[in-house]
Amino acid sequence: MSHSLLQHCCCRCHPDYKRGLTTIEVAGTVYYCGVMLLVLYLFLLQFRHEVLRIFRKTFFILLAIFAFLLITRLVMNLSTRNIIFLVPFAVIPVIIRTFYDARLASSSS
């Protein structure tokens, strides 16, 4: 009986199976996010240096990015499937365009 219970809990195809993230997956995600933030920083440094000089402007851009990451994570953790289309990703460039210029908004999309 314990053998069948062990198979039931460890079977990846079973709907109750929850796999944790491995170290390599976490490291890959951190690396990918770090590279994307570095690219954003280099873009701002090269073309929009005035945005980097004012902390509030830089913080607003980072806050928008991390807010949508959090919203996406919350939506993905919902039990309902295929609901990711409800997250309005196209709003980020519109919001940035409202407070900055069009060239900065097109780079953030």
PDB file of N, CA and C in Angstrom:
ATOM      1  N   MET A   1       0.812  -1.185   0.000  1.00  0.00           N
ATOM      2  CA  MET A   1       0.000   0.000   0.000  1.00  0.00           C
ATOM      3  C   MET A   1       0.861   1.257   0.000  1.00  0.00           C
ATOM      4  N   SER A   2       1.933   1.275   0.753  1.00  0.00           N
ATOM      5  CA  SER A   2       2.779   2.476   0.802  1.00  0.00           C
ATOM      6  C   SER A   2       3.462   2.707  -0.542  1.00  0.00           C
ATOM      7  N   HIS A   3       3.742   1.617  -1.271  1.00  0.00           N
ATOM      8  CA  HIS A   3       4.360   1.772  -2.589  1.00  0.00           C
ATOM      9  C   HIS A   3       3.417   2.482  -3.560  1.00  0.00           C
ATOM     10  N   SER A   4       2.146   2.115  -3.573  1.00  0.00           N
ATOM     11  CA  SER A   4       1.202   2.777  -4.469  1.00  0.00           C
ATOM     12  C   SER A   4       0.958   4.222  -4.046  1.00  0.00           C
ATOM     13  N   LEU A   5       0.979   4.479  -2.745  1.00  0.00           N
ATOM     14  CA  LEU A   5       0.827   5.847  -2.260  1.00  0.00           C
ATOM     15  C   LEU A   5       2.029   6.690  -2.678  1.00  0.00           C
ATOM     16  N   LEU A   6       3.217   6.135  -2.618  1.00  0.00           N
ATOM     17  CA  LEU A   6       4.420   6.838  -3.047  1.00  0.00           C
ATOM     18  C   LEU A   6       4.369   7.127  -4.545  1.00  0.00           C
ATOM     19  N   GLN A   7       3.924   6.167  -5.332  1.00  0.00           N
ATOM     20  CA  GLN A   7       3.782   6.400  -6.767  1.00  0.00           C
ATOM     21  C   GLN A   7       2.750   7.481  -7.039  1.00  0.00           C
ATOM     22  N   HIS A   8       1.685   7.496  -6.281  1.00  0.00           N
ATOM     23  CA  HIS A   8       0.625   8.480  -6.465  1.00  0.00           C
ATOM     24  C   HIS A   8       1.147   9.889  -6.180  1.00  0.00           C
ATOM     25  N   CYS A   9       1.955  10.062  -5.168  1.00  0.00           N
ATOM     26  CA  CYS A   9       2.438  11.382  -4.786  1.00  0.00           C
ATOM     27  C   CYS A   9       3.590  11.861  -5.665  1.00  0.00           C
ATOM     28  N   CYS A  10       4.325  10.967  -6.249  1.00  0.00           N
ATOM     29  CA  CYS A  10       5.517  11.350  -6.998  1.00  0.00           C
ATOM     30  C   CYS A  10       5.327  11.331  -8.506  1.00  0.00           C
ATOM     31  N   CYS A  11       4.182  10.923  -8.986  1.00  0.00           N
ATOM     32  CA  CYS A  11       3.961  10.839 -10.422  1.00  0.00           C
ATOM     33  C   CYS A  11       3.763  12.237 -10.986  1.00  0.00           C
ATOM     34  N   ARG A  12       4.588  12.629 -11.929  1.00  0.00           N
ATOM     35  CA  ARG A  12       4.516  13.972 -12.503  1.00  0.00           C
ATOM     36  C   ARG A  12       3.255  14.189 -13.321  1.00  0.00           C
ATOM     37  N   CYS A  13       2.678  13.131 -13.811  1.00  0.00           N
ATOM     38  CA  CYS A  13       1.472  13.298 -14.620  1.00  0.00           C
ATOM     39  C   CYS A  13       0.223  13.388 -13.768  1.00  0.00           C
ATOM     40  N   HIS A  14       0.336  13.170 -12.487  1.00  0.00           N
ATOM     41  CA  HIS A  14      -0.819  13.229 -11.604  1.00  0.00           C
ATOM     42  C   HIS A  14      -1.181  14.692 -11.350  1.00  0.00           C
ATOM     43  N   PRO A  15      -2.474  15.030 -11.327  1.00  0.00           N
ATOM     44  CA  PRO A  15      -2.874  16.433 -11.169  1.00  0.00           C
ATOM     45  C   PRO A  15      -2.499  17.041  -9.817  1.00  0.00           C
ATOM     46  N   ASP A  16      -2.286  16.224  -8.802  1.00  0.00           N
ATOM     47  CA  ASP A  16      -1.927  16.753  -7.487  1.00  0.00           C
ATOM     48  C   ASP A  16      -0.421  16.963  -7.323  1.00  0.00           C
ATOM     49  N   TYR A  17       0.350  16.585  -8.334  1.00  0.00           N
ATOM     50  CA  TYR A  17       1.801  16.707  -8.248  1.00  0.00           C
ATOM     51  C   TYR A  17       2.209  18.164  -8.403  1.00  0.00           C
ATOM     52  N   LYS A  18       2.990  18.681  -7.473  1.00  0.00           N
ATOM     53  CA  LYS A  18       3.514  20.044  -7.564  1.00  0.00           C
ATOM     54  C   LYS A  18       5.032  19.959  -7.477  1.00  0.00           C
ATOM     55  N   ARG A  19       5.677  20.429  -8.513  1.00  0.00           N
ATOM     56  CA  ARG A  19       7.128  20.381  -8.587  1.00  0.00           C
ATOM     57  C   ARG A  19       7.673  21.731  -8.167  1.00  0.00           C
ATOM     58  N   GLY A  20       8.659  21.736  -7.320  1.00  0.00           N
ATOM     59  CA  GLY A  20       9.302  22.978  -6.934  1.00  0.00           C
ATOM     60  C   GLY A  20      10.316  23.395  -7.986  1.00  0.00           C
ATOM     61  N   LEU A  21      10.710  24.652  -7.931  1.00  0.00           N
ATOM     62  CA  LEU A  21      11.707  25.138  -8.875  1.00  0.00           C
ATOM     63  C   LEU A  21      13.084  24.612  -8.495  1.00  0.00           C
ATOM     64  N   THR A  22      13.832  24.223  -9.495  1.00  0.00           N
ATOM     65  CA  THR A  22      15.190  23.773  -9.242  1.00  0.00           C
ATOM     66  C   THR A  22      16.113  24.978  -9.153  1.00  0.00           C
ATOM     67  N   THR A  23      17.293  24.760  -8.680  1.00  0.00           N
ATOM     68  CA  THR A  23      18.268  25.838  -8.533  1.00  0.00           C
ATOM     69  C   THR A  23      18.637  26.428  -9.880  1.00  0.00           C
ATOM     70  N   ILE A  24      18.759  25.603 -10.889  1.00  0.00           N
ATOM     71  CA  ILE A  24      19.141  26.095 -12.218  1.00  0.00           C
ATOM     72  C   ILE A  24      18.030  26.941 -12.821  1.00  0.00           C
ATOM     73  N   GLU A  25      16.771  26.608 -12.543  1.00  0.00           N
ATOM     74  CA  GLU A  25      15.660  27.414 -13.037  1.00  0.00           C
ATOM     75  C   GLU A  25      15.626  28.782 -12.374  1.00  0.00           C
ATOM     76  N   VAL A  26      15.856  28.815 -11.084  1.00  0.00           N
ATOM     77  CA  VAL A  26      15.894  30.087 -10.365  1.00  0.00           C
ATOM     78  C   VAL A  26      17.077  30.921 -10.842  1.00  0.00           C
ATOM     79  N   ALA A  27      18.228  30.289 -10.993  1.00  0.00           N
ATOM     80  CA  ALA A  27      19.413  31.006 -11.466  1.00  0.00           C
ATOM     81  C   ALA A  27      19.201  31.533 -12.880  1.00  0.00           C
ATOM     82  N   GLY A  28      18.585  30.761 -13.739  1.00  0.00           N
ATOM     83  CA  GLY A  28      18.306  31.211 -15.102  1.00  0.00           C
ATOM     84  C   GLY A  28      17.341  32.381 -15.128  1.00  0.00           C
ATOM     85  N   THR A  29      16.328  32.338 -14.277  1.00  0.00           N
ATOM     86  CA  THR A  29      15.368  33.439 -14.209  1.00  0.00           C
ATOM     87  C   THR A  29      16.031  34.709 -13.695  1.00  0.00           C
ATOM     88  N   VAL A  30      16.843  34.589 -12.661  1.00  0.00           N
ATOM     89  CA  VAL A  30      17.554  35.753 -12.124  1.00  0.00           C
ATOM     90  C   VAL A  30      18.515  36.306 -13.164  1.00  0.00           C
ATOM     91  N   TYR A  31      19.212  35.439 -13.867  1.00  0.00           N
ATOM     92  CA  TYR A  31      20.141  35.875 -14.906  1.00  0.00           C
ATOM     93  C   TYR A  31      19.407  36.613 -16.027  1.00  0.00           C
ATOM     94  N   TYR A  32      18.303  36.034 -16.487  1.00  0.00           N
ATOM     95  CA  TYR A  32      17.526  36.644 -17.572  1.00  0.00           C
ATOM     96  C   TYR A  32      16.979  38.013 -17.158  1.00  0.00           C
ATOM     97  N   CYS A  33      16.420  38.096 -15.967  1.00  0.00           N
ATOM     98  CA  CYS A  33      15.901  39.383 -15.480  1.00  0.00           C
ATOM     99  C   CYS A  33      17.018  40.394 -15.300  1.00  0.00           C
ATOM    100  N   GLY A  34      18.156  39.955 -14.816  1.00  0.00           N
ATOM    101  CA  GLY A  34      19.297  40.852 -14.661  1.00  0.00           C
ATOM    102  C   GLY A  34      19.789  41.395 -15.990  1.00  0.00           C
ATOM    103  N   VAL A  35      19.833  40.549 -16.994  1.00  0.00           N
ATOM    104  CA  VAL A  35      20.265  40.997 -18.323  1.00  0.00           C
ATOM    105  C   VAL A  35      19.272  42.003 -18.892  1.00  0.00           C
ATOM    106  N   MET A  36      17.984  41.744 -18.717  1.00  0.00           N
ATOM    107  CA  MET A  36      16.968  42.673 -19.237  1.00  0.00           C
ATOM    108  C   MET A  36      17.037  44.024 -18.516  1.00  0.00           C
ATOM    109  N   LEU A  37      17.263  44.018 -17.216  1.00  0.00           N
ATOM    110  CA  LEU A  37      17.407  45.280 -16.481  1.00  0.00           C
ATOM    111  C   LEU A  37      18.693  45.998 -16.884  1.00  0.00           C
ATOM    112  N   LEU A  38      19.747  45.250 -17.162  1.00  0.00           N
ATOM    113  CA  LEU A  38      20.985  45.849 -17.639  1.00  0.00           C
ATOM    114  C   LEU A  38      20.789  46.501 -19.003  1.00  0.00           C
ATOM    115  N   VAL A  39      20.058  45.844 -19.890  1.00  0.00           N
ATOM    116  CA  VAL A  39      19.767  46.421 -21.205  1.00  0.00           C
ATOM    117  C   VAL A  39      18.955  47.703 -21.052  1.00  0.00           C
ATOM    118  N   LEU A  40      17.976  47.704 -20.167  1.00  0.00           N
ATOM    119  CA  LEU A  40      17.197  48.915 -19.914  1.00  0.00           C
ATOM    120  C   LEU A  40      18.086  50.027 -19.376  1.00  0.00           C
ATOM    121  N   TYR A  41      18.962  49.694 -18.434  1.00  0.00           N
ATOM    122  CA  TYR A  41      19.877  50.689 -17.871  1.00  0.00           C
ATOM    123  C   TYR A  41      20.805  51.250 -18.952  1.00  0.00           C
ATOM    124  N   LEU A  42      21.357  50.391 -19.781  1.00  0.00           N
ATOM    125  CA  LEU A  42      22.265  50.868 -20.833  1.00  0.00           C
ATOM    126  C   LEU A  42      21.533  51.741 -21.850  1.00  0.00           C
ATOM    127  N   PHE A  43      20.281  51.392 -22.153  1.00  0.00           N
ATOM    128  CA  PHE A  43      19.488  52.229 -23.045  1.00  0.00           C
ATOM    129  C   PHE A  43      19.262  53.602 -22.428  1.00  0.00           C
ATOM    130  N   LEU A  44      18.863  53.623 -21.169  1.00  0.00           N
ATOM    131  CA  LEU A  44      18.634  54.904 -20.498  1.00  0.00           C
ATOM    132  C   LEU A  44      19.922  55.706 -20.375  1.00  0.00           C
ATOM    133  N   LEU A  45      21.021  55.036 -20.125  1.00  0.00           N
ATOM    134  CA  LEU A  45      22.301  55.717 -20.010  1.00  0.00           C
ATOM    135  C   LEU A  45      22.732  56.327 -21.334  1.00  0.00           C
ATOM    136  N   GLN A  46      22.499  55.627 -22.416  1.00  0.00           N
ATOM    137  CA  GLN A  46      22.927  56.090 -23.727  1.00  0.00           C
ATOM    138  C   GLN A  46      22.002  57.151 -24.313  1.00  0.00           C
ATOM    139  N   PHE A  47      20.677  56.944 -24.211  1.00  0.00           N
ATOM    140  CA  PHE A  47      19.741  57.799 -24.930  1.00  0.00           C
ATOM    141  C   PHE A  47      18.882  58.691 -24.046  1.00  0.00           C
ATOM    142  N   ARG A  48      18.678  58.343 -22.802  1.00  0.00           N
ATOM    143  CA  ARG A  48      17.825  59.119 -21.901  1.00  0.00           C
ATOM    144  C   ARG A  48      18.523  59.340 -20.563  1.00  0.00           C
ATOM    145  N   HIS A  49      19.643  59.991 -20.619  1.00  0.00           N
ATOM    146  CA  HIS A  49      20.438  60.208 -19.410  1.00  0.00           C
ATOM    147  C   HIS A  49      19.687  61.066 -18.392  1.00  0.00           C
ATOM    148  N   GLU A  50      18.817  61.965 -18.866  1.00  0.00           N
ATOM    149  CA  GLU A  50      18.060  62.823 -17.946  1.00  0.00           C
ATOM    150  C   GLU A  50      17.076  62.026 -17.098  1.00  0.00           C
ATOM    151  N   VAL A  51      16.625  60.883 -17.602  1.00  0.00           N
ATOM    152  CA  VAL A  51      15.727  60.028 -16.814  1.00  0.00           C
ATOM    153  C   VAL A  51      16.504  59.375 -15.676  1.00  0.00           C
ATOM    154  N   LEU A  52      17.741  58.978 -15.939  1.00  0.00           N
ATOM    155  CA  LEU A  52      18.550  58.345 -14.896  1.00  0.00           C
ATOM    156  C   LEU A  52      18.962  59.328 -13.808  1.00  0.00           C
ATOM    157  N   ARG A  53      19.086  60.580 -14.139  1.00  0.00           N
ATOM    158  CA  ARG A  53      19.508  61.566 -13.138  1.00  0.00           C
ATOM    159  C   ARG A  53      18.422  61.842 -12.104  1.00  0.00           C
ATOM    160  N   ILE A  54      17.181  61.695 -12.474  1.00  0.00           N
ATOM    161  CA  ILE A  54      16.079  61.962 -11.547  1.00  0.00           C
ATOM    162  C   ILE A  54      15.561  60.619 -11.024  1.00  0.00           C
ATOM    163  N   PHE A  55      15.766  60.406  -9.732  1.00  0.00           N
ATOM    164  CA  PHE A  55      15.440  59.126  -9.110  1.00  0.00           C
ATOM    165  C   PHE A  55      13.966  58.778  -9.280  1.00  0.00           C
ATOM    166  N   ARG A  56      13.085  59.736  -9.162  1.00  0.00           N
ATOM    167  CA  ARG A  56      11.648  59.488  -9.245  1.00  0.00           C
ATOM    168  C   ARG A  56      11.253  58.931 -10.606  1.00  0.00           C
ATOM    169  N   LYS A  57      11.867  59.423 -11.668  1.00  0.00           N
ATOM    170  CA  LYS A  57      11.550  58.931 -13.012  1.00  0.00           C
ATOM    171  C   LYS A  57      12.028  57.495 -13.205  1.00  0.00           C
ATOM    172  N   THR A  58      13.224  57.217 -12.740  1.00  0.00           N
ATOM    173  CA  THR A  58      13.761  55.858 -12.839  1.00  0.00           C
ATOM    174  C   THR A  58      12.932  54.895 -11.992  1.00  0.00           C
ATOM    175  N   PHE A  59      12.584  55.338 -10.802  1.00  0.00           N
ATOM    176  CA  PHE A  59      11.781  54.499  -9.911  1.00  0.00           C
ATOM    177  C   PHE A  59      10.415  54.200 -10.519  1.00  0.00           C
ATOM    178  N   PHE A  60       9.822  55.164 -11.199  1.00  0.00           N
ATOM    179  CA  PHE A  60       8.516  54.956 -11.827  1.00  0.00           C
ATOM    180  C   PHE A  60       8.589  53.873 -12.905  1.00  0.00           C
ATOM    181  N   ILE A  61       9.629  53.898 -13.706  1.00  0.00           N
ATOM    182  CA  ILE A  61       9.784  52.876 -14.749  1.00  0.00           C
ATOM    183  C   ILE A  61       9.965  51.496 -14.123  1.00  0.00           C
ATOM    184  N   LEU A  62      10.826  51.398 -13.126  1.00  0.00           N
ATOM    185  CA  LEU A  62      11.044  50.112 -12.458  1.00  0.00           C
ATOM    186  C   LEU A  62       9.788  49.642 -11.729  1.00  0.00           C
ATOM    187  N   LEU A  63       9.064  50.570 -11.127  1.00  0.00           N
ATOM    188  CA  LEU A  63       7.830  50.211 -10.445  1.00  0.00           C
ATOM    189  C   LEU A  63       6.792  49.660 -11.425  1.00  0.00           C
ATOM    190  N   ALA A  64       6.694  50.256 -12.588  1.00  0.00           N
ATOM    191  CA  ALA A  64       5.752  49.764 -13.602  1.00  0.00           C
ATOM    192  C   ALA A  64       6.130  48.354 -14.049  1.00  0.00           C
ATOM    193  N   ILE A  65       7.406  48.119 -14.262  1.00  0.00           N
ATOM    194  CA  ILE A  65       7.866  46.793 -14.691  1.00  0.00           C
ATOM    195  C   ILE A  65       7.586  45.748 -13.619  1.00  0.00           C
ATOM    196  N   PHE A  66       7.977  46.039 -12.369  1.00  0.00           N
ATOM    197  CA  PHE A  66       7.795  45.064 -11.303  1.00  0.00           C
ATOM    198  C   PHE A  66       6.323  44.884 -10.926  1.00  0.00           C
ATOM    199  N   ALA A  67       5.517  45.923 -11.069  1.00  0.00           N
ATOM    200  CA  ALA A  67       4.079  45.782 -10.801  1.00  0.00           C
ATOM    201  C   ALA A  67       3.448  44.816 -11.796  1.00  0.00           C
ATOM    202  N   PHE A  68       3.815  44.935 -13.061  1.00  0.00           N
ATOM    203  CA  PHE A  68       3.239  44.028 -14.048  1.00  0.00           C
ATOM    204  C   PHE A  68       3.810  42.615 -13.907  1.00  0.00           C
ATOM    205  N   LEU A  69       5.033  42.487 -13.443  1.00  0.00           N
ATOM    206  CA  LEU A  69       5.553  41.144 -13.135  1.00  0.00           C
ATOM    207  C   LEU A  69       4.757  40.507 -12.006  1.00  0.00           C
ATOM    208  N   LEU A  70       4.454  41.291 -10.989  1.00  0.00           N
ATOM    209  CA  LEU A  70       3.680  40.785  -9.864  1.00  0.00           C
ATOM    210  C   LEU A  70       2.258  40.432 -10.296  1.00  0.00           C
ATOM    211  N   ILE A  71       1.637  41.287 -11.078  1.00  0.00           N
ATOM    212  CA  ILE A  71       0.285  41.002 -11.574  1.00  0.00           C
ATOM    213  C   ILE A  71       0.284  39.727 -12.414  1.00  0.00           C
ATOM    214  N   THR A  72       1.295  39.581 -13.262  1.00  0.00           N
ATOM    215  CA  THR A  72       1.391  38.374 -14.089  1.00  0.00           C
ATOM    216  C   THR A  72       1.556  37.134 -13.234  1.00  0.00           C
ATOM    217  N   ARG A  73       2.401  37.215 -12.218  1.00  0.00           N
ATOM    218  CA  ARG A  73       2.619  36.070 -11.325  1.00  0.00           C
ATOM    219  C   ARG A  73       1.330  35.705 -10.586  1.00  0.00           C
ATOM    220  N   LEU A  74       0.596  36.708 -10.118  1.00  0.00           N
ATOM    221  CA  LEU A  74      -0.659  36.437  -9.419  1.00  0.00           C
ATOM    222  C   LEU A  74      -1.691  35.792 -10.347  1.00  0.00           C
ATOM    223  N   VAL A  75      -1.762  36.272 -11.570  1.00  0.00           N
ATOM    224  CA  VAL A  75      -2.715  35.700 -12.529  1.00  0.00           C
ATOM    225  C   VAL A  75      -2.317  34.275 -12.889  1.00  0.00           C
ATOM    226  N   MET A  76      -1.023  34.019 -13.031  1.00  0.00           N
ATOM    227  CA  MET A  76      -0.575  32.667 -13.375  1.00  0.00           C
ATOM    228  C   MET A  76      -0.823  31.677 -12.241  1.00  0.00           C
ATOM    229  N   ASN A  77      -0.866  32.156 -10.999  1.00  0.00           N
ATOM    230  CA  ASN A  77      -1.100  31.268  -9.859  1.00  0.00           C
ATOM    231  C   ASN A  77      -2.575  30.970  -9.630  1.00  0.00           C
ATOM    232  N   LEU A  78      -3.460  31.651 -10.346  1.00  0.00           N
ATOM    233  CA  LEU A  78      -4.880  31.352 -10.220  1.00  0.00           C
ATOM    234  C   LEU A  78      -5.171  29.972 -10.786  1.00  0.00           C
ATOM    235  N   SER A  79      -6.199  29.347 -10.266  1.00  0.00           N
ATOM    236  CA  SER A  79      -6.515  27.987 -10.724  1.00  0.00           C
ATOM    237  C   SER A  79      -7.145  27.988 -12.112  1.00  0.00           C
ATOM    238  N   THR A  80      -7.697  29.115 -12.540  1.00  0.00           N
ATOM    239  CA  THR A  80      -8.310  29.190 -13.856  1.00  0.00           C
ATOM    240  C   THR A  80      -7.223  29.165 -14.924  1.00  0.00           C
ATOM    241  N   ARG A  81      -7.464  28.443 -15.992  1.00  0.00           N
ATOM    242  CA  ARG A  81      -6.459  28.327 -17.052  1.00  0.00           C
ATOM    243  C   ARG A  81      -6.658  29.409 -18.095  1.00  0.00           C
ATOM    244  N   ASN A  82      -5.605  29.710 -18.825  1.00  0.00           N
ATOM    245  CA  ASN A  82      -5.634  30.621 -19.966  1.00  0.00           C
ATOM    246  C   ASN A  82      -6.271  31.967 -19.641  1.00  0.00           C
ATOM    247  N   ILE A  83      -5.877  32.565 -18.542  1.00  0.00           N
ATOM    248  CA  ILE A  83      -6.431  33.840 -18.149  1.00  0.00           C
ATOM    249  C   ILE A  83      -5.372  34.945 -18.247  1.00  0.00           C
ATOM    250  N   ILE A  84      -4.193  34.617 -18.744  1.00  0.00           N
ATOM    251  CA  ILE A  84      -3.094  35.573 -18.825  1.00  0.00           C
ATOM    252  C   ILE A  84      -3.421  36.726 -19.768  1.00  0.00           C
ATOM    253  N   PHE A  85      -4.320  36.515 -20.699  1.00  0.00           N
ATOM    254  CA  PHE A  85      -4.663  37.578 -21.641  1.00  0.00           C
ATOM    255  C   PHE A  85      -5.374  38.745 -20.956  1.00  0.00           C
ATOM    256  N   LEU A  86      -5.795  38.587 -19.722  1.00  0.00           N
ATOM    257  CA  LEU A  86      -6.438  39.674 -18.994  1.00  0.00           C
ATOM    258  C   LEU A  86      -5.457  40.712 -18.463  1.00  0.00           C
ATOM    259  N   VAL A  87      -4.182  40.389 -18.432  1.00  0.00           N
ATOM    260  CA  VAL A  87      -3.171  41.343 -17.964  1.00  0.00           C
ATOM    261  C   VAL A  87      -2.880  42.319 -19.102  1.00  0.00           C
ATOM    262  N   PRO A  88      -3.111  43.600 -18.887  1.00  0.00           N
ATOM    263  CA  PRO A  88      -2.962  44.585 -19.977  1.00  0.00           C
ATOM    264  C   PRO A  88      -1.509  45.026 -20.176  1.00  0.00           C
ATOM    265  N   PHE A  89      -0.729  44.193 -20.844  1.00  0.00           N
ATOM    266  CA  PHE A  89       0.680  44.520 -21.061  1.00  0.00           C
ATOM    267  C   PHE A  89       0.864  45.756 -21.937  1.00  0.00           C
ATOM    268  N   ALA A  90      -0.067  46.008 -22.829  1.00  0.00           N
ATOM    269  CA  ALA A  90       0.051  47.155 -23.734  1.00  0.00           C
ATOM    270  C   ALA A  90      -0.130  48.487 -23.014  1.00  0.00           C
ATOM    271  N   VAL A  91      -0.545  48.458 -21.769  1.00  0.00           N
ATOM    272  CA  VAL A  91      -0.735  49.693 -21.011  1.00  0.00           C
ATOM    273  C   VAL A  91       0.606  50.291 -20.576  1.00  0.00           C
ATOM    274  N   ILE A  92       1.632  49.475 -20.414  1.00  0.00           N
ATOM    275  CA  ILE A  92       2.925  49.973 -19.944  1.00  0.00           C
ATOM    276  C   ILE A  92       3.490  51.048 -20.874  1.00  0.00           C
ATOM    277  N   PRO A  93       3.573  50.828 -22.192  1.00  0.00           N
ATOM    278  CA  PRO A  93       4.078  51.907 -23.054  1.00  0.00           C
ATOM    279  C   PRO A  93       3.179  53.143 -23.059  1.00  0.00           C
ATOM    280  N   VAL A  94       1.876  52.954 -22.916  1.00  0.00           N
ATOM    281  CA  VAL A  94       0.970  54.104 -22.884  1.00  0.00           C
ATOM    282  C   VAL A  94       1.210  54.943 -21.635  1.00  0.00           C
ATOM    283  N   ILE A  95       1.385  54.286 -20.506  1.00  0.00           N
ATOM    284  CA  ILE A  95       1.649  55.014 -19.256  1.00  0.00           C
ATOM    285  C   ILE A  95       2.989  55.732 -19.337  1.00  0.00           C
ATOM    286  N   ILE A  96       3.998  55.053 -19.838  1.00  0.00           N
ATOM    287  CA  ILE A  96       5.315  55.691 -19.935  1.00  0.00           C
ATOM    288  C   ILE A  96       5.283  56.829 -20.946  1.00  0.00           C
ATOM    289  N   ARG A  97       4.534  56.671 -22.018  1.00  0.00           N
ATOM    290  CA  ARG A  97       4.404  57.744 -23.013  1.00  0.00           C
ATOM    291  C   ARG A  97       3.727  58.969 -22.404  1.00  0.00           C
ATOM    292  N   THR A  98       2.804  58.750 -21.493  1.00  0.00           N
ATOM    293  CA  THR A  98       2.109  59.854 -20.849  1.00  0.00           C
ATOM    294  C   THR A  98       3.066  60.712 -20.033  1.00  0.00           C
ATOM    295  N   PHE A  99       4.012  60.088 -19.351  1.00  0.00           N
ATOM    296  CA  PHE A  99       4.907  60.824 -18.472  1.00  0.00           C
ATOM    297  C   PHE A  99       6.259  61.146 -19.107  1.00  0.00           C
ATOM    298  N   TYR A 100       6.618  60.446 -20.167  1.00  0.00           N
ATOM    299  CA  TYR A 100       7.893  60.673 -20.827  1.00  0.00           C
ATOM    300  C   TYR A 100       7.637  60.942 -22.299  1.00  0.00           C
ATOM    301  N   ASP A 101       8.557  60.549 -23.168  1.00  0.00           N
ATOM    302  CA  ASP A 101       8.345  60.768 -24.598  1.00  0.00           C
ATOM    303  C   ASP A 101       8.089  59.443 -25.320  1.00  0.00           C
ATOM    304  N   ALA A 102       7.773  59.522 -26.604  1.00  0.00           N
ATOM    305  CA  ALA A 102       7.380  58.343 -27.374  1.00  0.00           C
ATOM    306  C   ALA A 102       8.539  57.375 -27.571  1.00  0.00           C
ATOM    307  N   ARG A 103       9.752  57.876 -27.688  1.00  0.00           N
ATOM    308  CA  ARG A 103      10.886  56.967 -27.918  1.00  0.00           C
ATOM    309  C   ARG A 103      11.154  56.102 -26.706  1.00  0.00           C
ATOM    310  N   LEU A 104      10.984  56.634 -25.520  1.00  0.00           N
ATOM    311  CA  LEU A 104      11.179  55.844 -24.311  1.00  0.00           C
ATOM    312  C   LEU A 104      10.061  54.818 -24.162  1.00  0.00           C
ATOM    313  N   ALA A 105       8.847  55.171 -24.507  1.00  0.00           N
ATOM    314  CA  ALA A 105       7.720  54.238 -24.417  1.00  0.00           C
ATOM    315  C   ALA A 105       7.869  53.085 -25.393  1.00  0.00           C
ATOM    316  N   SER A 106       8.379  53.333 -26.584  1.00  0.00           N
ATOM    317  CA  SER A 106       8.530  52.252 -27.545  1.00  0.00           C
ATOM    318  C   SER A 106       9.635  51.290 -27.151  1.00  0.00           C
ATOM    319  N   SER A 107      10.607  51.732 -26.372  1.00  0.00           N
ATOM    320  CA  SER A 107      11.672  50.835 -25.936  1.00  0.00           C
ATOM    321  C   SER A 107      11.239  49.976 -24.762  1.00  0.00           C
ATOM    322  N   SER A 108      10.216  50.382 -24.030  1.00  0.00           N
ATOM    323  CA  SER A 108       9.793  49.607 -22.872  1.00  0.00           C
ATOM    324  C   SER A 108       8.756  48.553 -23.209  1.00  0.00           C
ATOM    325  N   SER A 109       8.268  48.524 -24.434  1.00  0.00           N
ATOM    326  CA  SER A 109       7.257  47.523 -24.790  1.00  0.00           C
ATOM    327  C   SER A 109       7.867  46.235 -25.231  1.00  0.00           C
TER     328      SER A 109
END
